[in-house]
Amino acid sequence: MKPAHIGRKISRIRELRGIKQETLAQEMGVSQQTVSRIETSETIEEDILAKVAQILGVTPEAIKNYSDEAVITIISSTLHDNAGSVNNNCTITFNPIDKLLEVIEENKKLYERLLQSEREKVELLKKMIKE
């Protein structure tokens, strides 16, 4: 049986976490080219694996046992319930209409301040013309 390609697994986990090679390299204190070599290596030393795992926020075992199929299964089961429909367990903690009314009220106040400022300017100009 062919050993699992650890480098590819690191690369996939890094990509799923939204981390660039440059960022991983910086956190590890190595060059981006070194990270690239790690990700193309079939095996890596345990201490390097532990360091990479810590930076990626996973365990070394999670990297060793990673599979695209498992990720797809987890995502699929999260998005769909048993009937196959999309699971909408999203809870909105505010009323969008209330937020809209707040914004409208803020705009009114801003307009009123602007209008007051313009009135003050007009009054100042009138005083300057009289003098």
Protein backbone atom coordinates (compact mmCIF):
# COMPACT_ATOMS: atom_id res chain seq x y z
CA MET A 1 0.00 0.00 0.00
CA LYS A 2 1.30 3.41 -0.99
CA PRO A 3 1.81 5.85 1.93
CA ALA A 4 -0.42 8.89 2.17
CA HIS A 5 1.00 12.04 0.56
CA ILE A 6 1.35 14.30 3.62
CA GLY A 7 2.46 17.32 1.59
CA ARG A 8 -0.75 17.35 -0.47
CA LYS A 9 -2.81 17.02 2.70
CA ILE A 10 -1.02 20.01 4.25
CA SER A 11 -1.64 21.98 1.07
CA ARG A 12 -5.37 21.16 1.04
CA ILE A 13 -5.84 22.00 4.73
CA ARG A 14 -3.90 25.24 4.27
CA GLU A 15 -6.11 26.18 1.30
CA LEU A 16 -9.30 25.29 3.17
CA ARG A 17 -8.18 27.48 6.07
CA GLY A 18 -7.54 30.36 3.63
CA ILE A 19 -3.83 30.58 4.47
CA LYS A 20 -1.28 31.43 1.78
CA GLN A 21 2.06 29.65 1.49
CA GLU A 22 3.80 32.92 2.29
CA THR A 23 1.86 33.25 5.55
CA LEU A 24 2.60 29.67 6.58
CA ALA A 25 6.26 30.22 5.73
CA GLN A 26 6.42 33.37 7.81
CA GLU A 27 4.78 31.64 10.80
CA MET A 28 7.22 28.74 10.48
CA GLY A 29 10.23 31.03 10.06
CA VAL A 30 11.14 29.56 6.67
CA SER A 31 10.95 30.64 3.04
CA GLN A 32 7.92 30.20 0.80
CA GLN A 33 10.03 27.82 -1.30
CA THR A 34 10.52 25.61 1.77
CA VAL A 35 6.75 25.44 2.30
CA SER A 36 6.36 24.58 -1.38
CA ARG A 37 8.87 21.73 -0.97
CA ILE A 38 7.03 20.50 2.14
CA GLU A 39 3.74 20.47 0.22
CA THR A 40 5.28 18.44 -2.61
CA SER A 41 6.90 15.94 -0.22
CA GLU A 42 5.29 12.57 0.28
CA THR A 43 6.59 12.38 3.84
CA ILE A 44 7.92 14.94 6.30
CA GLU A 45 9.58 14.79 9.70
CA GLU A 46 7.31 14.58 12.73
CA ASP A 47 8.61 17.82 14.28
CA ILE A 48 7.89 19.76 11.08
CA LEU A 49 4.46 18.12 10.84
CA ALA A 50 3.72 19.16 14.45
CA LYS A 51 4.77 22.77 13.74
CA VAL A 52 2.68 22.96 10.56
CA ALA A 53 -0.30 21.41 12.35
CA GLN A 54 -0.08 23.94 15.18
CA ILE A 55 0.01 26.87 12.74
CA LEU A 56 -2.92 25.45 10.73
CA GLY A 57 -4.88 24.94 13.94
CA VAL A 58 -5.20 21.17 13.61
CA THR A 59 -3.51 18.13 15.09
CA PRO A 60 -0.81 16.15 13.27
CA GLU A 61 -3.27 13.23 13.25
CA ALA A 62 -5.85 15.41 11.49
CA ILE A 63 -3.32 16.07 8.73
CA LYS A 64 -2.39 12.40 8.49
CA ASN A 65 -6.06 11.32 8.33
CA TYR A 66 -7.28 14.14 6.08
CA SER A 67 -9.33 13.20 3.03
CA ASP A 68 -11.26 15.33 0.54
CA GLU A 69 -14.12 12.83 0.72
CA ALA A 70 -14.52 13.35 4.48
CA VAL A 71 -14.58 17.14 4.04
CA ILE A 72 -17.22 16.87 1.32
CA THR A 73 -19.31 14.58 3.53
CA ILE A 74 -19.09 16.99 6.47
CA ILE A 75 -20.00 20.00 4.33
CA SER A 76 -22.81 18.12 2.66
CA SER A 77 -24.29 16.93 5.96
CA THR A 78 -24.02 20.45 7.37
CA LEU A 79 -25.85 22.02 4.45
CA HIS A 80 -28.57 19.40 4.01
CA ASP A 81 -30.93 17.73 6.43
CA ASN A 82 -32.15 14.15 6.08
CA ALA A 83 -34.79 15.10 3.51
CA GLY A 84 -32.11 16.60 1.28
CA SER A 85 -33.24 20.19 1.57
CA VAL A 86 -30.95 23.02 2.53
CA ASN A 87 -30.65 23.38 6.29
CA ASN A 88 -31.46 26.97 7.24
CA ASN A 89 -30.47 26.99 10.90
CA CYS A 90 -29.42 30.61 10.58
CA THR A 91 -30.75 32.86 13.32
CA ILE A 92 -31.11 36.55 12.58
CA THR A 93 -30.71 38.54 15.78
CA PHE A 94 -32.12 41.82 14.47
CA ASN A 95 -35.06 43.04 12.44
CA PRO A 96 -33.85 44.30 9.04
CA ILE A 97 -36.69 46.82 8.89
CA ASP A 98 -35.61 48.27 12.24
CA LYS A 99 -32.07 48.60 10.92
CA LEU A 100 -33.36 50.35 7.79
CA LEU A 101 -35.39 52.78 9.91
CA GLU A 102 -32.31 53.49 12.04
CA VAL A 103 -30.31 54.34 8.93
CA ILE A 104 -33.08 56.60 7.63
CA GLU A 105 -33.22 58.36 11.01
CA GLU A 106 -29.44 58.84 11.00
CA ASN A 107 -29.65 60.29 7.49
CA LYS A 108 -32.36 62.72 8.62
CA LYS A 109 -30.19 63.90 11.52
CA LEU A 110 -27.22 64.30 9.22
CA TYR A 111 -29.32 66.29 6.74
CA GLU A 112 -30.63 68.51 9.55
CA ARG A 113 -27.07 69.22 10.76
CA LEU A 114 -26.00 70.00 7.22
CA LEU A 115 -28.99 72.30 6.73
CA GLN A 116 -28.27 74.08 10.02
CA SER A 117 -24.66 74.57 8.98
CA GLU A 118 -25.76 76.08 5.67
CA ARG A 119 -28.18 78.42 7.47
CA GLU A 120 -25.36 79.58 9.73
CA LYS A 121 -23.20 80.25 6.68
CA VAL A 122 -25.98 82.28 5.06
CA GLU A 123 -26.42 84.34 8.24
CA LEU A 124 -22.69 84.94 8.44
CA LEU A 125 -22.61 86.08 4.82
CA LYS A 126 -25.56 88.42 5.42
CA LYS A 127 -23.71 89.98 8.36
CA MET A 128 -20.56 90.39 6.28
CA ILE A 129 -22.50 92.10 3.47
CA LYS A 130 -24.12 94.57 5.91
CA GLU A 131 -20.78 95.59 7.34
